[in-house]
Structures are given as structure tokens and as C-alpha cells.
Amino acid sequence: MKRVLCVGHAVQDFIFRTPQLPHGAEKHRASGYCEAGGGPAATAAVTVVRLGGAARLVSRLGEDAVATTIRTELERYGVDCHHLRCFAGHQSSVSAVFVDDAGERLIVNHTDASLPVDPSWLDEVSLDDVAAVLADTRWPQGAERLLRRATAAGLPAVLDADVPVPKDGRLFEAATHIAFSLAGLRDFSGCSEDTAATSEALRELAESRARWCCVTQGAAGVLIADGRVSGRSPVMRHLPAFRVTAVDTLGAGDVWHGAFALALAEGSSEEVAVRAASAAAAIKVTRAGGRAGTPTRIERDALLERS
């Protein structure tokens, strides 16, 4: 069993089902409601465990009831929460999430901007039994610290490059693999929504950073640009998405990143890892409840075998 260290955001989601996403200054009635843990790194950690790996989460929380709820759920899934640090006088992160009948979501998040950012305490986090590190962008200082350590140790160091992506590029330098969301790539590069512009922006980033990069595009699949070969233009490849009917896209990208990091930890090639991750995310979007829809390895592998 391979272990993935996930560093970044842990959230408590309050999820409302509505026929359409809310707009305007008016009251809306929800057709359904549930609570679930969320956050890119935390949901990725749950995914790793659900797919048969071991996960350790590094995250910052407030010292409050929400933190207790977040920790309790993660531990119930089997995530190692030894490095969840609670800071007195601060609030844990919460989100109000609206999911419409098409499965699309609108998120209003509150994260305590005064949570301490100093990453020096991460030096106590051991990588001795870790096979890959995955970091989101919500705590750049912590992400950079652990991604650099992973890279120096010869481990896959995966950056979940969703918005907001820091403009200084330091996280790109720290990572071995950069997996953009479509919004993250557009936020960082300024490219338009045009398909050709997206492809060119990814190619330029892969070449300039000499890194393996990809961008997840939901139903449009995953575009890959491998810029690791010096003196050669990045090798571009498109892998299609699995065809499913979406019910709830909340957490799908986080599931994708967790599954991708675990596959790399287990020794899979990048293309095999992308396909495995895409299968896991495809199953997740067919299920309501955010993180609760994360598939097991048996379910994921069954989809891969059928496709």
C-alpha cells in the first residue's frame, strides 16, 4: 500500500440542491441539503484511501467545532490526521455550496485570512514512508515547502493548480507534475476560452518550466503537455473523458488529483495515471453529496475495464 501526503485545504461544506444556481437578491428554496467535508487536499486524501492507498493530510484549521467535525469525518474514512494543526483564535474554513439539476455548482467559501502561514513546522513531517506528495494552492508556503522536499527526495510532487494560482511561479518550480484546472490555467496564463488558446498556453508553460503539465477540462477530457525533454517542443496528447451523466460535479477535480497522485505513487506512467484519475472523477460526478460520491478501487477499475 502506497502512501500519499496531501497538503492544503480542508473545509466543511454545507450543500444545497436547487433547480438552478441562485442569482439575484431574492430567496431560494432548496430541494435537498446535506453536509460533507470538502477542500482540495482533504478530498484528495479521502480519494487515496477509497482507492486502496494510505493518505496523510497536512492542513491548517481553526480551534473550533468545525475543526472537530472535519477531523472526525476524515478519520472515519481512514485518513491520517496527525498533521492537522488547529490554531487558537482562528476559524476553520466553511463553504455554502449550491448544486443545480445539471450537476453544476456554485461555491461561496470563507477561509480565515489570518491563519498563520509560516511553514517551518512542516519540517517535522516525515517523508520516509511517503511515495508521492500532492499539494493544492490554498497555502502556497506550505505547498512549496513540501513539494520541494518531495522533489529533492525523488518523489512525484504533484501540484493541483486550481485558482488562485500564485503568479510568482514558485510552486511550478517546486513540483514535478503540474495539473491545472481549466480555470486555473486561464487565471495564470490569461488565455481565452478558445480551445487553441488553451492548448498553446499549456504548451508554453510546459516548455518554459520543463515540466509535465496537464489541464483537466471536465467532459472535454484532459490535455497533456510533457516539457521534460530539453531542446524539444513539448509532446502534446489529449485523453478523452469517460461519458457519463453528471449529477454533482462538487469535488470531482479533487478526486481526480487524489487518484492521479496515487497512481503515480504506485508506479504508473502519467498517461495511465490520467486515465485512472479520469475514471474515478467520472464515477464521482454521477453521485450526489460531494465527497460522499468518491468511488472505491473496485468501482473505478470496473469502469476502466468496461471502457
C-alpha atoms as a PDB file:
ATOM      1  CA  MET A   1       0.000   0.000   0.000  1.00  0.00           C
ATOM      2  CA  LYS A   2       1.498   3.314  -1.137  1.00  0.00           C
ATOM      3  CA  ARG A   3       1.141   6.464   0.950  1.00  0.00           C
ATOM      4  CA  VAL A   4       0.363   9.917  -0.470  1.00  0.00           C
ATOM      5  CA  LEU A   5       0.980  13.046   1.587  1.00  0.00           C
ATOM      6  CA  CYS A   6      -1.641  15.708   0.820  1.00  0.00           C
ATOM      7  CA  VAL A   7      -1.094  19.315   1.875  1.00  0.00           C
ATOM      8  CA  GLY A   8      -3.584  22.156   1.679  1.00  0.00           C
ATOM      9  CA  HIS A   9      -7.213  22.977   2.288  1.00  0.00           C
ATOM     10  CA  ALA A  10      -9.756  21.174   4.487  1.00  0.00           C
ATOM     11  CA  VAL A  11     -13.301  22.578   4.536  1.00  0.00           C
ATOM     12  CA  GLN A  12     -16.763  21.805   5.848  1.00  0.00           C
ATOM     13  CA  ASP A  13     -19.309  22.032   3.022  1.00  0.00           C
ATOM     14  CA  PHE A  14     -22.986  22.878   3.502  1.00  0.00           C
ATOM     15  CA  ILE A  15     -24.575  21.618   0.285  1.00  0.00           C
ATOM     16  CA  PHE A  16     -27.927  22.801  -1.096  1.00  0.00           C
ATOM     17  CA  ARG A  17     -29.687  21.237  -4.103  1.00  0.00           C
ATOM     18  CA  THR A  18     -31.533  23.834  -6.191  1.00  0.00           C
ATOM     19  CA  PRO A  19     -33.210  23.598  -9.634  1.00  0.00           C
ATOM     20  CA  GLN A  20     -30.992  26.431 -10.897  1.00  0.00           C
ATOM     21  CA  LEU A  21     -27.965  28.130  -9.414  1.00  0.00           C
ATOM     22  CA  PRO A  22     -29.032  31.172  -7.329  1.00  0.00           C
ATOM     23  CA  HIS A  23     -28.897  34.642  -8.831  1.00  0.00           C
ATOM     24  CA  GLY A  24     -30.273  37.998  -7.815  1.00  0.00           C
ATOM     25  CA  ALA A  25     -31.188  39.380  -4.413  1.00  0.00           C
ATOM     26  CA  GLU A  26     -34.065  37.051  -3.621  1.00  0.00           C
ATOM     27  CA  LYS A  27     -34.926  33.990  -1.558  1.00  0.00           C
ATOM     28  CA  HIS A  28     -34.368  30.493  -2.942  1.00  0.00           C
ATOM     29  CA  ARG A  29     -35.720  27.162  -1.748  1.00  0.00           C
ATOM     30  CA  ALA A  30     -33.523  24.076  -1.721  1.00  0.00           C
ATOM     31  CA  SER A  31     -34.871  20.700  -2.817  1.00  0.00           C
ATOM     32  CA  GLY A  32     -32.205  18.889  -0.800  1.00  0.00           C
ATOM     33  CA  TYR A  33     -29.480  19.518   1.758  1.00  0.00           C
ATOM     34  CA  CYS A  34     -26.513  17.698   3.265  1.00  0.00           C
ATOM     35  CA  GLU A  35     -23.206  18.397   4.997  1.00  0.00           C
ATOM     36  CA  ALA A  36     -19.881  16.878   3.988  1.00  0.00           C
ATOM     37  CA  GLY A  37     -16.201  17.558   4.300  1.00  0.00           C
ATOM     38  CA  GLY A  38     -14.534  19.252   1.361  1.00  0.00           C
ATOM     39  CA  GLY A  39     -11.402  21.059   0.269  1.00  0.00           C
ATOM     40  CA  PRO A  40      -8.967  20.004  -2.477  1.00  0.00           C
ATOM     41  CA  ALA A  41      -6.278  18.359  -0.343  1.00  0.00           C
ATOM     42  CA  ALA A  42      -8.717  16.804   2.123  1.00  0.00           C
ATOM     43  CA  THR A  43     -10.941  15.286  -0.563  1.00  0.00           C
ATOM     44  CA  ALA A  44      -7.880  14.061  -2.443  1.00  0.00           C
ATOM     45  CA  ALA A  45      -6.734  12.324   0.751  1.00  0.00           C
ATOM     46  CA  VAL A  46     -10.113  10.607   1.112  1.00  0.00           C
ATOM     47  CA  THR A  47      -9.868   9.515  -2.528  1.00  0.00           C
ATOM     48  CA  VAL A  48      -6.463   7.954  -1.951  1.00  0.00           C
ATOM     49  CA  VAL A  49      -7.868   5.861   0.890  1.00  0.00           C
ATOM     50  CA  ARG A  50     -11.012   4.890  -1.037  1.00  0.00           C
ATOM     51  CA  LEU A  51      -8.808   3.687  -3.901  1.00  0.00           C
ATOM     52  CA  GLY A  52      -6.769   1.448  -1.628  1.00  0.00           C
ATOM     53  CA  GLY A  53      -3.853   3.685  -0.711  1.00  0.00           C
ATOM     54  CA  ALA A  54      -2.825   5.372   2.531  1.00  0.00           C
ATOM     55  CA  ALA A  55      -3.179   9.124   2.973  1.00  0.00           C
ATOM     56  CA  ARG A  56      -1.690  11.627   5.383  1.00  0.00           C
ATOM     57  CA  LEU A  57      -3.162  15.144   5.427  1.00  0.00           C
ATOM     58  CA  VAL A  58      -1.334  18.346   6.345  1.00  0.00           C
ATOM     59  CA  SER A  59      -3.704  21.263   6.832  1.00  0.00           C
ATOM     60  CA  ARG A  60      -4.479  24.328   8.948  1.00  0.00           C
ATOM     61  CA  LEU A  61      -7.725  24.639  10.888  1.00  0.00           C
ATOM     62  CA  GLY A  62      -9.146  26.943  13.492  1.00  0.00           C
ATOM     63  CA  GLU A  63      -9.692  25.783  17.032  1.00  0.00           C
ATOM     64  CA  ASP A  64     -13.467  25.393  16.821  1.00  0.00           C
ATOM     65  CA  ALA A  65     -16.348  22.948  16.457  1.00  0.00           C
ATOM     66  CA  VAL A  66     -15.972  22.893  12.673  1.00  0.00           C
ATOM     67  CA  ALA A  67     -12.415  21.593  13.061  1.00  0.00           C
ATOM     68  CA  THR A  68     -13.681  18.737  15.221  1.00  0.00           C
ATOM     69  CA  THR A  69     -16.274  17.841  12.585  1.00  0.00           C
ATOM     70  CA  ILE A  70     -13.686  17.934   9.792  1.00  0.00           C
ATOM     71  CA  ARG A  71     -11.212  15.771  11.689  1.00  0.00           C
ATOM     72  CA  THR A  72     -13.839  13.249  12.794  1.00  0.00           C
ATOM     73  CA  GLU A  73     -15.060  12.637   9.249  1.00  0.00           C
ATOM     74  CA  LEU A  74     -11.554  12.348   7.815  1.00  0.00           C
ATOM     75  CA  GLU A  75     -10.525   9.868  10.485  1.00  0.00           C
ATOM     76  CA  ARG A  76     -13.681   7.855   9.824  1.00  0.00           C
ATOM     77  CA  TYR A  77     -12.528   7.497   6.218  1.00  0.00           C
ATOM     78  CA  GLY A  78      -9.106   6.375   7.433  1.00  0.00           C
ATOM     79  CA  VAL A  79      -7.058   9.497   6.669  1.00  0.00           C
ATOM     80  CA  ASP A  80      -4.033  10.080   8.937  1.00  0.00           C
ATOM     81  CA  CYS A  81      -4.777  13.444  10.580  1.00  0.00           C
ATOM     82  CA  HIS A  82      -1.713  13.674  12.825  1.00  0.00           C
ATOM     83  CA  HIS A  83      -0.601  16.826  10.991  1.00  0.00           C
ATOM     84  CA  LEU A  84      -3.910  18.690  11.078  1.00  0.00           C
ATOM     85  CA  ARG A  85      -2.927  21.742  13.089  1.00  0.00           C
ATOM     86  CA  CYS A  86      -5.567  23.802  14.907  1.00  0.00           C
ATOM     87  CA  PHE A  87      -4.752  27.430  15.686  1.00  0.00           C
ATOM     88  CA  ALA A  88      -6.418  29.108  18.665  1.00  0.00           C
ATOM     89  CA  GLY A  89      -8.316  32.296  17.907  1.00  0.00           C
ATOM     90  CA  HIS A  90      -8.905  31.360  14.268  1.00  0.00           C
ATOM     91  CA  GLN A  91     -11.818  29.938  12.272  1.00  0.00           C
ATOM     92  CA  SER A  92     -11.886  26.765  10.210  1.00  0.00           C
ATOM     93  CA  SER A  93     -12.918  27.046   6.576  1.00  0.00           C
ATOM     94  CA  VAL A  94     -16.568  26.599   5.545  1.00  0.00           C
ATOM     95  CA  SER A  95     -18.415  26.714   2.219  1.00  0.00           C
ATOM     96  CA  ALA A  96     -22.021  27.162   1.177  1.00  0.00           C
ATOM     97  CA  VAL A  97     -22.407  25.051  -1.968  1.00  0.00           C
ATOM     98  CA  PHE A  98     -25.312  25.174  -4.415  1.00  0.00           C
ATOM     99  CA  VAL A  99     -25.728  22.280  -6.883  1.00  0.00           C
ATOM    100  CA  ASP A 100     -28.292  22.571  -9.689  1.00  0.00           C
ATOM    101  CA  ASP A 101     -30.200  19.912 -11.621  1.00  0.00           C
ATOM    102  CA  ALA A 102     -27.442  19.749 -14.249  1.00  0.00           C
ATOM    103  CA  GLY A 103     -24.851  18.920 -11.587  1.00  0.00           C
ATOM    104  CA  GLU A 104     -23.066  22.267 -11.821  1.00  0.00           C
ATOM    105  CA  ARG A 105     -22.085  24.001  -8.592  1.00  0.00           C
ATOM    106  CA  LEU A 106     -21.661  27.463  -7.133  1.00  0.00           C
ATOM    107  CA  ILE A 107     -19.419  27.790  -4.070  1.00  0.00           C
ATOM    108  CA  VAL A 108     -19.220  30.595  -1.521  1.00  0.00           C
ATOM    109  CA  ASN A 109     -16.219  29.902   0.701  1.00  0.00           C
ATOM    110  CA  HIS A 110     -14.913  31.583   3.817  1.00  0.00           C
ATOM    111  CA  THR A 111     -11.307  30.941   4.794  1.00  0.00           C
ATOM    112  CA  ASP A 112      -9.753  32.789   7.721  1.00  0.00           C
ATOM    113  CA  ALA A 113      -7.223  35.096   6.052  1.00  0.00           C
ATOM    114  CA  SER A 114      -5.328  35.461   9.332  1.00  0.00           C
ATOM    115  CA  LEU A 115      -4.436  31.763   9.694  1.00  0.00           C
ATOM    116  CA  PRO A 116      -0.659  31.567  10.262  1.00  0.00           C
ATOM    117  CA  VAL A 117       1.227  30.923   7.011  1.00  0.00           C
ATOM    118  CA  ASP A 118       4.672  30.106   8.458  1.00  0.00           C
ATOM    119  CA  PRO A 119       5.544  26.605   7.151  1.00  0.00           C
ATOM    120  CA  SER A 120       8.529  25.954   9.432  1.00  0.00           C
ATOM    121  CA  TRP A 121       6.584  23.388  11.488  1.00  0.00           C
ATOM    122  CA  LEU A 122       6.352  21.208   8.379  1.00  0.00           C
ATOM    123  CA  ASP A 123       9.967  20.179   8.870  1.00  0.00           C
ATOM    124  CA  GLU A 124       8.635  17.704  11.443  1.00  0.00           C
ATOM    125  CA  VAL A 125       6.558  15.977   8.744  1.00  0.00           C
ATOM    126  CA  SER A 126       8.403  12.823   7.693  1.00  0.00           C
ATOM    127  CA  LEU A 127       8.526  11.688   4.061  1.00  0.00           C
ATOM    128  CA  ASP A 128      10.237   8.399   4.882  1.00  0.00           C
ATOM    129  CA  ASP A 129       7.126   6.296   4.215  1.00  0.00           C
ATOM    130  CA  VAL A 130       5.631   8.552   1.527  1.00  0.00           C
ATOM    131  CA  ALA A 131       5.527   7.617  -2.172  1.00  0.00           C
ATOM    132  CA  ALA A 132       4.133  10.914  -3.536  1.00  0.00           C
ATOM    133  CA  VAL A 133       3.199  14.411  -2.374  1.00  0.00           C
ATOM    134  CA  LEU A 134       0.130  16.306  -3.597  1.00  0.00           C
ATOM    135  CA  ALA A 135      -0.421  19.985  -2.788  1.00  0.00           C
ATOM    136  CA  ASP A 136      -3.156  22.475  -3.606  1.00  0.00           C
ATOM    137  CA  THR A 137      -2.583  26.237  -3.893  1.00  0.00           C
ATOM    138  CA  ARG A 138      -4.561  27.404  -0.843  1.00  0.00           C
ATOM    139  CA  TRP A 139      -1.479  27.587   1.390  1.00  0.00           C
ATOM    140  CA  PRO A 140       1.390  28.383  -1.009  1.00  0.00           C
ATOM    141  CA  GLN A 141       4.089  28.496   1.666  1.00  0.00           C
ATOM    142  CA  GLY A 142       3.244  25.028   2.951  1.00  0.00           C
ATOM    143  CA  ALA A 143       2.794  23.628  -0.537  1.00  0.00           C
ATOM    144  CA  GLU A 144       6.177  24.894  -1.699  1.00  0.00           C
ATOM    145  CA  ARG A 145       7.943  23.570   1.385  1.00  0.00           C
ATOM    146  CA  LEU A 146       6.684  20.011   0.983  1.00  0.00           C
ATOM    147  CA  LEU A 147       6.788  19.902  -2.823  1.00  0.00           C
ATOM    148  CA  ARG A 148      10.464  20.922  -2.782  1.00  0.00           C
ATOM    149  CA  ARG A 149      11.243  18.263  -0.192  1.00  0.00           C
ATOM    150  CA  ALA A 150       9.454  15.638  -2.277  1.00  0.00           C
ATOM    151  CA  THR A 151      11.272  16.643  -5.459  1.00  0.00           C
ATOM    152  CA  ALA A 152      14.628  16.564  -3.665  1.00  0.00           C
ATOM    153  CA  ALA A 153      13.782  13.064  -2.411  1.00  0.00           C
ATOM    154  CA  GLY A 154      12.990  11.848  -5.928  1.00  0.00           C
ATOM    155  CA  LEU A 155       9.256  11.521  -5.283  1.00  0.00           C
ATOM    156  CA  PRO A 156       6.397  12.610  -7.541  1.00  0.00           C
ATOM    157  CA  ALA A 157       5.463  16.127  -6.394  1.00  0.00           C
ATOM    158  CA  VAL A 158       2.043  16.978  -7.824  1.00  0.00           C
ATOM    159  CA  LEU A 159       0.612  20.497  -7.823  1.00  0.00           C
ATOM    160  CA  ASP A 160      -3.172  20.852  -8.009  1.00  0.00           C
ATOM    161  CA  ALA A 161      -3.109  24.169  -9.880  1.00  0.00           C
ATOM    162  CA  ASP A 162      -6.639  25.432  -9.344  1.00  0.00           C
ATOM    163  CA  VAL A 163      -7.498  29.066  -8.657  1.00  0.00           C
ATOM    164  CA  PRO A 164      -5.923  31.010  -7.136  1.00  0.00           C
ATOM    165  CA  VAL A 165      -2.578  30.132  -8.756  1.00  0.00           C
ATOM    166  CA  PRO A 166       0.260  32.316  -7.356  1.00  0.00           C
ATOM    167  CA  LYS A 167       1.779  34.381 -10.156  1.00  0.00           C
ATOM    168  CA  ASP A 168       5.397  34.118  -8.997  1.00  0.00           C
ATOM    169  CA  GLY A 169       5.719  30.570 -10.350  1.00  0.00           C
ATOM    170  CA  ARG A 170       7.492  29.244  -7.261  1.00  0.00           C
ATOM    171  CA  LEU A 171       5.068  26.351  -6.904  1.00  0.00           C
ATOM    172  CA  PHE A 172       5.769  25.324 -10.508  1.00  0.00           C
ATOM    173  CA  GLU A 173       9.485  25.223  -9.755  1.00  0.00           C
ATOM    174  CA  ALA A 174       8.856  23.070  -6.683  1.00  0.00           C
ATOM    175  CA  ALA A 175       6.646  20.483  -8.419  1.00  0.00           C
ATOM    176  CA  THR A 176       7.428  17.635 -10.800  1.00  0.00           C
ATOM    177  CA  HIS A 177       3.871  17.452 -12.179  1.00  0.00           C
ATOM    178  CA  ILE A 178       1.511  20.415 -12.643  1.00  0.00           C
ATOM    179  CA  ALA A 179      -2.176  19.566 -13.054  1.00  0.00           C
ATOM    180  CA  PHE A 180      -4.242  22.646 -13.913  1.00  0.00           C
ATOM    181  CA  SER A 181      -7.960  23.036 -13.772  1.00  0.00           C
ATOM    182  CA  LEU A 182      -9.249  24.921 -16.801  1.00  0.00           C
ATOM    183  CA  ALA A 183      -9.998  27.915 -14.568  1.00  0.00           C
ATOM    184  CA  GLY A 184      -6.528  27.684 -13.023  1.00  0.00           C
ATOM    185  CA  LEU A 185      -4.778  27.698 -16.395  1.00  0.00           C
ATOM    186  CA  ARG A 186      -6.799  30.668 -17.604  1.00  0.00           C
ATOM    187  CA  ASP A 187      -6.251  32.521 -14.340  1.00  0.00           C
ATOM    188  CA  PHE A 188      -2.483  32.087 -14.517  1.00  0.00           C
ATOM    189  CA  SER A 189      -1.862  32.460 -18.253  1.00  0.00           C
ATOM    190  CA  GLY A 190      -4.609  34.897 -19.188  1.00  0.00           C
ATOM    191  CA  CYS A 191      -5.545  32.723 -22.166  1.00  0.00           C
ATOM    192  CA  SER A 192      -9.021  32.910 -23.680  1.00  0.00           C
ATOM    193  CA  GLU A 193     -11.639  30.158 -23.575  1.00  0.00           C
ATOM    194  CA  ASP A 194     -10.742  29.165 -27.131  1.00  0.00           C
ATOM    195  CA  THR A 195      -9.521  25.552 -27.392  1.00  0.00           C
ATOM    196  CA  ALA A 196      -6.458  26.501 -29.428  1.00  0.00           C
ATOM    197  CA  ALA A 197      -5.528  29.220 -26.923  1.00  0.00           C
ATOM    198  CA  THR A 198      -5.827  26.765 -24.042  1.00  0.00           C
ATOM    199  CA  SER A 199      -3.578  24.268 -25.826  1.00  0.00           C
ATOM    200  CA  GLU A 200      -0.964  26.919 -26.640  1.00  0.00           C
ATOM    201  CA  ALA A 201      -0.946  28.257 -23.075  1.00  0.00           C
ATOM    202  CA  LEU A 202      -0.360  24.768 -21.688  1.00  0.00           C
ATOM    203  CA  ARG A 203       2.366  24.061 -24.247  1.00  0.00           C
ATOM    204  CA  GLU A 204       4.186  27.298 -23.408  1.00  0.00           C
ATOM    205  CA  LEU A 205       4.054  26.617 -19.677  1.00  0.00           C
ATOM    206  CA  ALA A 206       5.310  23.054 -20.072  1.00  0.00           C
ATOM    207  CA  GLU A 207       8.180  24.248 -22.266  1.00  0.00           C
ATOM    208  CA  SER A 208       9.182  27.238 -20.132  1.00  0.00           C
ATOM    209  CA  ARG A 209       9.048  25.253 -16.879  1.00  0.00           C
ATOM    210  CA  ALA A 210      10.425  21.988 -18.347  1.00  0.00           C
ATOM    211  CA  ARG A 211       7.675  20.128 -16.532  1.00  0.00           C
ATOM    212  CA  TRP A 212       4.946  17.597 -17.190  1.00  0.00           C
ATOM    213  CA  CYS A 213       1.711  19.580 -17.288  1.00  0.00           C
ATOM    214  CA  CYS A 214      -1.928  18.857 -17.938  1.00  0.00           C
ATOM    215  CA  VAL A 215      -5.257  20.640 -17.807  1.00  0.00           C
ATOM    216  CA  THR A 216      -8.462  18.894 -16.792  1.00  0.00           C
ATOM    217  CA  GLN A 217     -11.435  20.078 -18.847  1.00  0.00           C
ATOM    218  CA  GLY A 218     -14.395  18.172 -17.437  1.00  0.00           C
ATOM    219  CA  ALA A 219     -16.403  16.498 -20.189  1.00  0.00           C
ATOM    220  CA  ALA A 220     -13.802  17.681 -22.749  1.00  0.00           C
ATOM    221  CA  GLY A 221     -11.156  15.379 -21.271  1.00  0.00           C
ATOM    222  CA  VAL A 222      -7.548  16.037 -20.288  1.00  0.00           C
ATOM    223  CA  LEU A 223      -4.889  17.781 -22.364  1.00  0.00           C
ATOM    224  CA  ILE A 224      -1.273  16.818 -21.606  1.00  0.00           C
ATOM    225  CA  ALA A 225       1.952  18.684 -22.420  1.00  0.00           C
ATOM    226  CA  ASP A 226       5.218  16.963 -21.493  1.00  0.00           C
ATOM    227  CA  GLY A 227       8.016  19.525 -21.490  1.00  0.00           C
ATOM    228  CA  ARG A 228      10.655  17.472 -19.694  1.00  0.00           C
ATOM    229  CA  VAL A 229      12.848  16.720 -22.726  1.00  0.00           C
ATOM    230  CA  SER A 230      15.364  19.543 -23.136  1.00  0.00           C
ATOM    231  CA  GLY A 231      15.673  21.042 -26.609  1.00  0.00           C
ATOM    232  CA  ARG A 232      12.423  19.549 -27.869  1.00  0.00           C
ATOM    233  CA  SER A 233       8.944  21.004 -28.071  1.00  0.00           C
ATOM    234  CA  PRO A 234       6.543  19.548 -25.505  1.00  0.00           C
ATOM    235  CA  VAL A 235       4.795  16.343 -26.521  1.00  0.00           C
ATOM    236  CA  MET A 236       1.053  17.059 -26.612  1.00  0.00           C
ATOM    237  CA  ARG A 237      -1.645  14.449 -26.034  1.00  0.00           C
ATOM    238  CA  HIS A 238      -5.390  14.556 -25.470  1.00  0.00           C
ATOM    239  CA  LEU A 239      -7.176  11.873 -23.460  1.00  0.00           C
ATOM    240  CA  PRO A 240     -10.983  11.895 -23.709  1.00  0.00           C
ATOM    241  CA  ALA A 241     -13.280  11.887 -20.705  1.00  0.00           C
ATOM    242  CA  PHE A 242     -15.496   8.955 -19.808  1.00  0.00           C
ATOM    243  CA  ARG A 243     -19.053   9.557 -20.980  1.00  0.00           C
ATOM    244  CA  VAL A 244     -21.396   9.806 -18.008  1.00  0.00           C
ATOM    245  CA  THR A 245     -24.424  11.817 -16.937  1.00  0.00           C
ATOM    246  CA  ALA A 246     -23.358  14.358 -14.311  1.00  0.00           C
ATOM    247  CA  VAL A 247     -25.430  14.690 -11.150  1.00  0.00           C
ATOM    248  CA  ASP A 248     -22.980  16.578  -8.917  1.00  0.00           C
ATOM    249  CA  THR A 249     -19.582  17.938 -10.010  1.00  0.00           C
ATOM    250  CA  LEU A 250     -18.623  19.089  -6.495  1.00  0.00           C
ATOM    251  CA  GLY A 251     -15.227  17.627  -5.600  1.00  0.00           C
ATOM    252  CA  ALA A 252     -14.675  15.955  -8.974  1.00  0.00           C
ATOM    253  CA  GLY A 253     -11.382  17.741  -9.578  1.00  0.00           C
ATOM    254  CA  ASP A 254     -10.174  16.899  -6.084  1.00  0.00           C
ATOM    255  CA  VAL A 255     -10.995  13.227  -6.646  1.00  0.00           C
ATOM    256  CA  TRP A 256      -9.095  13.404  -9.943  1.00  0.00           C
ATOM    257  CA  HIS A 257      -5.972  14.784  -8.281  1.00  0.00           C
ATOM    258  CA  GLY A 258      -6.024  12.245  -5.463  1.00  0.00           C
ATOM    259  CA  ALA A 259      -6.413   9.352  -7.896  1.00  0.00           C
ATOM    260  CA  PHE A 260      -3.667  10.741 -10.157  1.00  0.00           C
ATOM    261  CA  ALA A 261      -1.191  11.143  -7.287  1.00  0.00           C
ATOM    262  CA  LEU A 262      -1.877   7.621  -6.009  1.00  0.00           C
ATOM    263  CA  ALA A 263      -1.385   6.113  -9.460  1.00  0.00           C
ATOM    264  CA  LEU A 264       1.993   7.864  -9.765  1.00  0.00           C
ATOM    265  CA  ALA A 265       2.906   6.659  -6.272  1.00  0.00           C
ATOM    266  CA  GLU A 266       2.123   3.118  -7.400  1.00  0.00           C
ATOM    267  CA  GLY A 267       4.491   3.454 -10.365  1.00  0.00           C
ATOM    268  CA  SER A 268       2.035   4.092 -13.207  1.00  0.00           C
ATOM    269  CA  SER A 269       3.022   6.193 -16.196  1.00  0.00           C
ATOM    270  CA  GLU A 270       1.466   9.629 -16.456  1.00  0.00           C
ATOM    271  CA  GLU A 271      -0.971   8.599 -19.191  1.00  0.00           C
ATOM    272  CA  VAL A 272      -2.121   5.543 -17.254  1.00  0.00           C
ATOM    273  CA  ALA A 273      -2.476   7.734 -14.153  1.00  0.00           C
ATOM    274  CA  VAL A 274      -4.555  10.291 -16.079  1.00  0.00           C
ATOM    275  CA  ARG A 275      -6.916   7.598 -17.317  1.00  0.00           C
ATOM    276  CA  ALA A 276      -7.274   6.110 -13.830  1.00  0.00           C
ATOM    277  CA  ALA A 277      -7.933   9.553 -12.367  1.00  0.00           C
ATOM    278  CA  SER A 278     -10.463  10.409 -15.061  1.00  0.00           C
ATOM    279  CA  ALA A 279     -12.366   7.188 -14.370  1.00  0.00           C
ATOM    280  CA  ALA A 280     -12.537   7.971 -10.646  1.00  0.00           C
ATOM    281  CA  ALA A 281     -13.766  11.513 -11.309  1.00  0.00           C
ATOM    282  CA  ALA A 282     -16.325  10.268 -13.842  1.00  0.00           C
ATOM    283  CA  ILE A 283     -17.900   7.979 -11.257  1.00  0.00           C
ATOM    284  CA  LYS A 284     -17.896  10.744  -8.659  1.00  0.00           C
ATOM    285  CA  VAL A 285     -19.934  13.156 -10.823  1.00  0.00           C
ATOM    286  CA  THR A 286     -22.713  10.567 -11.163  1.00  0.00           C
ATOM    287  CA  ARG A 287     -23.304  10.720  -7.400  1.00  0.00           C
ATOM    288  CA  ALA A 288     -24.676  13.478  -5.197  1.00  0.00           C
ATOM    289  CA  GLY A 289     -23.208  14.642  -1.903  1.00  0.00           C
ATOM    290  CA  GLY A 290     -19.773  15.929  -2.862  1.00  0.00           C
ATOM    291  CA  ARG A 291     -17.036  13.802  -1.294  1.00  0.00           C
ATOM    292  CA  ALA A 292     -19.562  11.102  -0.349  1.00  0.00           C
ATOM    293  CA  GLY A 293     -19.614  10.070  -4.010  1.00  0.00           C
ATOM    294  CA  THR A 294     -15.926   9.103  -4.118  1.00  0.00           C
ATOM    295  CA  PRO A 295     -15.607   5.634  -5.705  1.00  0.00           C
ATOM    296  CA  THR A 296     -13.776   2.588  -4.408  1.00  0.00           C
ATOM    297  CA  ARG A 297     -10.928   0.984  -6.331  1.00  0.00           C
ATOM    298  CA  ILE A 298     -13.189  -1.896  -7.397  1.00  0.00           C
ATOM    299  CA  GLU A 299     -15.689   0.562  -8.859  1.00  0.00           C
ATOM    300  CA  ARG A 300     -13.003   2.598 -10.601  1.00  0.00           C
ATOM    301  CA  ASP A 301     -11.279  -0.463 -12.067  1.00  0.00           C
ATOM    302  CA  ALA A 302     -14.595  -1.861 -13.293  1.00  0.00           C
ATOM    303  CA  LEU A 303     -15.178   1.312 -15.316  1.00  0.00           C
ATOM    304  CA  LEU A 304     -11.668   1.115 -16.741  1.00  0.00           C
ATOM    305  CA  GLU A 305     -12.240  -2.490 -17.800  1.00  0.00           C
ATOM    306  CA  ARG A 306     -15.562  -1.662 -19.489  1.00  0.00           C
ATOM    307  CA  SER A 307     -14.133   1.256 -21.452  1.00  0.00           C
END
